[in-house]
């Protein structure tokens, strides 16, 4: 699969010929001004929770691509009223799509949609098919629930974890989370976008390397083959 970082917590995952856009927040992000939003392809929009810095471009990209929203019931219902198709989920549930299987798992955070509508409980996703399995934690604190992932999902090839601190766990807790989920290849997200969440890249990477793990902080617009 191919994974492209589009800034903040936004990623494009290409699996089985399908484009999965995760938490689209691009046009309001000054750091992502080099990304051409109008050229983005998306078959599915995976949305972890309702905050504006995770849904800002979802409606426009979704309508342009006739993409399907995958999220909790409340968020899917909100986007359906805006004319987007969706598949609602809730914690612990999984479903198979044409690109693979998605499981919606717990996240410890808050969630409200941009117009003040209740956004349901925040979550993360474990996504897998015959080639790869990854965990996108969404915005979350460190949680003992993460220890359930190795018991309920295939072995993770990599995980996307927030590392920016203040609003989510920082890189120190993300390092502990990597133990809980039994995954040594971590891709960082939710860092540097705002003053509150700027991090020392070298210090964060060293903390992981000292434990024999890898923290990848992708430049915006760059891709990895995984």
Protein backbone atom coordinates (compact mmCIF):
# COMPACT_ATOMS: atom_id res chain seq x y z
CA UNK A 1 0.00 0.00 0.00
CA UNK A 2 1.00 3.62 -0.43
CA UNK A 3 0.58 6.16 2.37
CA UNK A 4 0.84 9.92 1.73
CA UNK A 5 0.98 12.57 4.45
CA UNK A 6 -1.13 15.66 3.70
CA UNK A 7 -0.42 17.52 6.94
CA UNK A 8 -1.69 17.55 10.53
CA UNK A 9 -3.65 14.26 10.84
CA UNK A 10 -4.55 13.89 7.16
CA UNK A 11 -3.34 10.86 5.23
CA UNK A 12 -4.14 9.20 1.93
CA UNK A 13 -3.95 5.41 2.05
CA UNK A 14 -4.09 3.60 -1.28
CA UNK A 15 -5.23 -0.01 -0.85
CA UNK A 16 -6.48 -2.48 -3.45
CA UNK A 17 -6.82 0.33 -5.97
CA UNK A 18 -8.97 2.46 -3.64
CA UNK A 19 -8.12 5.84 -2.13
CA UNK A 20 -8.87 6.22 1.58
CA UNK A 21 -8.62 9.82 2.80
CA UNK A 22 -8.26 10.07 6.57
CA UNK A 23 -9.35 13.18 8.53
CA UNK A 24 -9.18 15.76 5.70
CA UNK A 25 -7.90 19.10 7.03
CA UNK A 26 -5.89 20.76 4.28
CA UNK A 27 -7.13 24.16 3.05
CA UNK A 28 -7.08 25.83 6.52
CA UNK A 29 -3.60 24.43 7.25
CA UNK A 30 -0.89 26.93 6.31
CA UNK A 31 1.71 24.18 6.44
CA UNK A 32 -0.18 22.27 3.72
CA UNK A 33 -0.58 25.16 1.28
CA UNK A 34 1.45 23.24 -1.30
CA UNK A 35 -1.24 20.55 -1.54
CA UNK A 36 -3.73 20.95 -4.41
CA UNK A 37 -7.00 19.96 -2.77
CA UNK A 38 -8.83 19.88 -6.09
CA UNK A 39 -6.56 17.13 -7.39
CA UNK A 40 -7.20 14.78 -4.46
CA UNK A 41 -8.94 11.53 -5.30
CA UNK A 42 -10.98 9.80 -2.62
CA UNK A 43 -13.21 6.75 -2.72
CA UNK A 44 -13.70 6.76 1.07
CA UNK A 45 -13.39 9.34 3.84
CA UNK A 46 -12.38 7.85 7.19
CA UNK A 47 -13.17 10.36 9.92
CA UNK A 48 -12.09 9.70 13.51
CA UNK A 49 -14.08 12.50 15.16
CA UNK A 50 -15.90 15.73 14.44
CA UNK A 51 -13.43 18.51 15.21
CA UNK A 52 -12.82 21.03 12.45
CA UNK A 53 -9.16 20.14 12.16
CA UNK A 54 -10.25 16.67 11.04
CA UNK A 55 -13.27 17.39 8.83
CA UNK A 56 -12.64 20.80 7.22
CA UNK A 57 -12.36 19.51 3.64
CA UNK A 58 -14.50 16.41 3.96
CA UNK A 59 -17.67 17.81 2.38
CA UNK A 60 -16.01 19.41 -0.66
CA UNK A 61 -13.69 16.48 -1.39
CA UNK A 62 -16.44 13.96 -0.69
CA UNK A 63 -18.93 15.58 -3.05
CA UNK A 64 -16.37 16.05 -5.83
CA UNK A 65 -15.38 12.38 -5.65
CA UNK A 66 -18.74 10.85 -4.68
CA UNK A 67 -16.83 9.37 -1.73
CA UNK A 68 -18.38 7.37 1.11
CA UNK A 69 -17.91 8.55 4.69
CA UNK A 70 -16.87 5.92 7.23
CA UNK A 71 -17.21 7.09 10.82
CA UNK A 72 -19.46 6.83 13.84
CA UNK A 73 -23.24 7.05 13.48
CA UNK A 74 -23.48 10.71 14.48
CA UNK A 75 -20.83 11.94 12.06
CA UNK A 76 -22.13 9.85 9.17
CA UNK A 77 -25.66 11.13 9.81
CA UNK A 78 -24.40 14.74 9.79
CA UNK A 79 -22.67 14.27 6.44
CA UNK A 80 -25.63 12.41 4.97
CA UNK A 81 -27.73 15.52 5.56
CA UNK A 82 -25.18 17.37 3.43
CA UNK A 83 -25.66 14.92 0.58
CA UNK A 84 -22.79 12.49 1.17
CA UNK A 85 -23.24 8.73 1.39
CA UNK A 86 -21.91 7.01 4.47
CA UNK A 87 -21.42 3.82 6.42
CA UNK A 88 -22.02 4.28 10.17
CA UNK A 89 -20.02 2.35 12.76
CA UNK A 90 -19.50 2.31 16.50
CA UNK A 91 -16.86 1.11 18.93
CA UNK A 92 -15.85 -2.53 18.61
CA UNK A 93 -17.62 -3.07 15.29
CA UNK A 94 -15.92 -4.10 12.07
CA UNK A 95 -17.06 -4.32 8.47
CA UNK A 96 -15.55 -5.43 5.16
CA UNK A 97 -15.26 -3.10 2.17
CA UNK A 98 -13.78 -3.61 -1.28
CA UNK A 99 -10.37 -2.42 -0.04
CA UNK A 100 -10.30 -4.44 3.20
CA UNK A 101 -11.72 -4.58 6.72
CA UNK A 102 -12.23 -1.62 9.05
CA UNK A 103 -12.64 -1.85 12.81
CA UNK A 104 -13.70 1.22 14.80
CA UNK A 105 -11.88 1.34 18.14
CA UNK A 106 -11.80 3.55 21.21
CA UNK A 107 -10.12 6.95 21.49
CA UNK A 108 -9.99 9.17 24.56
CA UNK A 109 -10.72 12.71 23.38
CA UNK A 110 -13.77 14.93 22.69
CA UNK A 111 -15.88 15.39 19.59
CA UNK A 112 -18.21 18.07 18.29
CA UNK A 113 -18.90 19.02 14.68
CA UNK A 114 -18.13 22.51 13.33
CA UNK A 115 -21.70 23.79 13.73
CA UNK A 116 -21.92 22.58 17.33
CA UNK A 117 -23.71 19.31 16.53
CA UNK A 118 -22.86 16.43 18.86
CA UNK A 119 -20.18 14.35 17.16
CA UNK A 120 -20.62 11.10 19.06
CA UNK A 121 -17.72 9.34 20.71
CA UNK A 122 -14.29 9.81 19.09
CA UNK A 123 -12.55 6.76 17.74
CA UNK A 124 -9.70 5.30 15.78
CA UNK A 125 -9.52 2.75 12.98
CA UNK A 126 -7.71 -0.52 12.43
CA UNK A 127 -7.65 -1.25 8.70
CA UNK A 128 -6.43 -4.45 7.09
CA UNK A 129 -6.48 -6.68 4.05
CA UNK A 130 -4.36 -9.59 2.84
CA UNK A 131 -1.32 -7.33 2.36
CA UNK A 132 -1.19 -4.91 5.31
CA UNK A 133 -2.69 -3.97 8.67
CA UNK A 134 -2.44 -0.54 10.27
CA UNK A 135 -3.91 1.42 13.17
CA UNK A 136 -4.89 5.07 12.93
CA UNK A 137 -5.45 6.19 16.51
CA UNK A 138 -7.13 9.52 15.79
CA UNK A 139 -6.82 12.13 18.52
CA UNK A 140 -6.37 10.26 21.77
CA UNK A 141 -4.72 10.02 25.12
CA UNK A 142 -2.77 6.92 26.03
CA UNK A 143 -5.31 4.25 26.96
CA UNK A 144 -5.20 0.73 28.35
CA UNK A 145 -7.78 -0.13 25.66
CA UNK A 146 -4.88 -0.07 23.20
CA UNK A 147 -3.75 -3.38 24.72
CA UNK A 148 -6.86 -4.97 23.19
CA UNK A 149 -5.68 -4.39 19.63
CA UNK A 150 -3.18 -7.28 19.45
CA UNK A 151 -5.90 -9.55 20.89
CA UNK A 152 -8.64 -8.55 18.45
CA UNK A 153 -6.91 -7.53 15.21
CA UNK A 154 -4.20 -8.88 12.88
CA UNK A 155 -0.61 -7.97 13.71
CA UNK A 156 0.06 -4.33 12.89
CA UNK A 157 2.58 -3.44 10.19
CA UNK A 158 2.57 0.20 11.30
CA UNK A 159 0.53 2.65 13.34
CA UNK A 160 -0.33 6.33 13.00
CA UNK A 161 -0.23 7.95 16.43
CA UNK A 162 -0.55 11.59 17.58
CA UNK A 163 2.68 12.92 19.08
CA UNK A 164 2.06 16.65 19.51
CA UNK A 165 0.98 16.68 23.16
CA UNK A 166 -1.36 19.29 24.72
CA UNK A 167 -4.54 18.12 22.91
CA UNK A 168 -3.44 14.46 22.53
CA UNK A 169 -0.72 12.25 23.88
CA UNK A 170 2.83 13.43 23.29
CA UNK A 171 5.64 11.36 21.87
CA UNK A 172 6.52 9.93 25.31
CA UNK A 173 3.04 8.43 25.69
CA UNK A 174 3.03 7.40 22.03
CA UNK A 175 6.16 5.41 22.80
CA UNK A 176 4.28 3.59 25.55
CA UNK A 177 1.35 3.13 23.18
CA UNK A 178 3.66 1.38 20.71
CA UNK A 179 4.32 -1.22 23.42
CA UNK A 180 0.60 -1.61 24.12
CA UNK A 181 -0.24 -2.18 20.45
CA UNK A 182 2.90 -4.27 19.84
CA UNK A 183 4.07 -2.20 16.90
CA UNK A 184 7.58 -0.77 16.44
CA UNK A 185 6.97 1.32 13.27
CA UNK A 186 5.12 4.51 14.19
CA UNK A 187 4.12 7.37 11.90
CA UNK A 188 3.52 10.57 13.81
CA UNK A 189 0.59 12.94 13.31
CA UNK A 190 -1.11 15.91 15.00
CA UNK A 191 2.09 17.89 15.57
CA UNK A 192 3.57 21.28 14.52
CA UNK A 193 0.35 22.63 12.95
CA UNK A 194 -0.34 25.05 15.81
CA UNK A 195 1.91 26.62 18.42
CA UNK A 196 0.47 24.38 21.12
CA UNK A 197 1.67 21.21 19.40
CA UNK A 198 5.12 22.04 18.04
CA UNK A 199 7.64 19.31 18.87
CA UNK A 200 11.39 18.71 18.82
CA UNK A 201 11.68 16.21 15.94
CA UNK A 202 15.17 15.01 16.79
CA UNK A 203 14.31 14.45 20.46
CA UNK A 204 11.13 12.55 19.61
CA UNK A 205 12.85 10.31 17.06
CA UNK A 206 15.71 9.60 19.47
CA UNK A 207 13.30 8.52 22.20
CA UNK A 208 11.92 5.88 19.86
CA UNK A 209 15.32 4.85 18.49
CA UNK A 210 16.65 4.36 22.03
CA UNK A 211 13.94 1.71 22.49
CA UNK A 212 14.71 0.01 19.18
CA UNK A 213 11.64 1.53 17.51
CA UNK A 214 11.13 3.90 14.59
CA UNK A 215 9.22 7.19 14.63
CA UNK A 216 8.59 8.51 11.12
CA UNK A 217 7.72 12.20 10.78
CA UNK A 218 6.86 12.54 7.11
CA UNK A 219 7.25 15.86 5.30
CA UNK A 220 3.89 17.09 4.02
CA UNK A 221 3.20 15.70 0.55
CA UNK A 222 5.64 12.81 0.92
CA UNK A 223 4.69 9.14 0.57
CA UNK A 224 5.78 5.76 1.85
CA UNK A 225 5.30 2.33 0.30
CA UNK A 226 4.34 -0.01 3.12
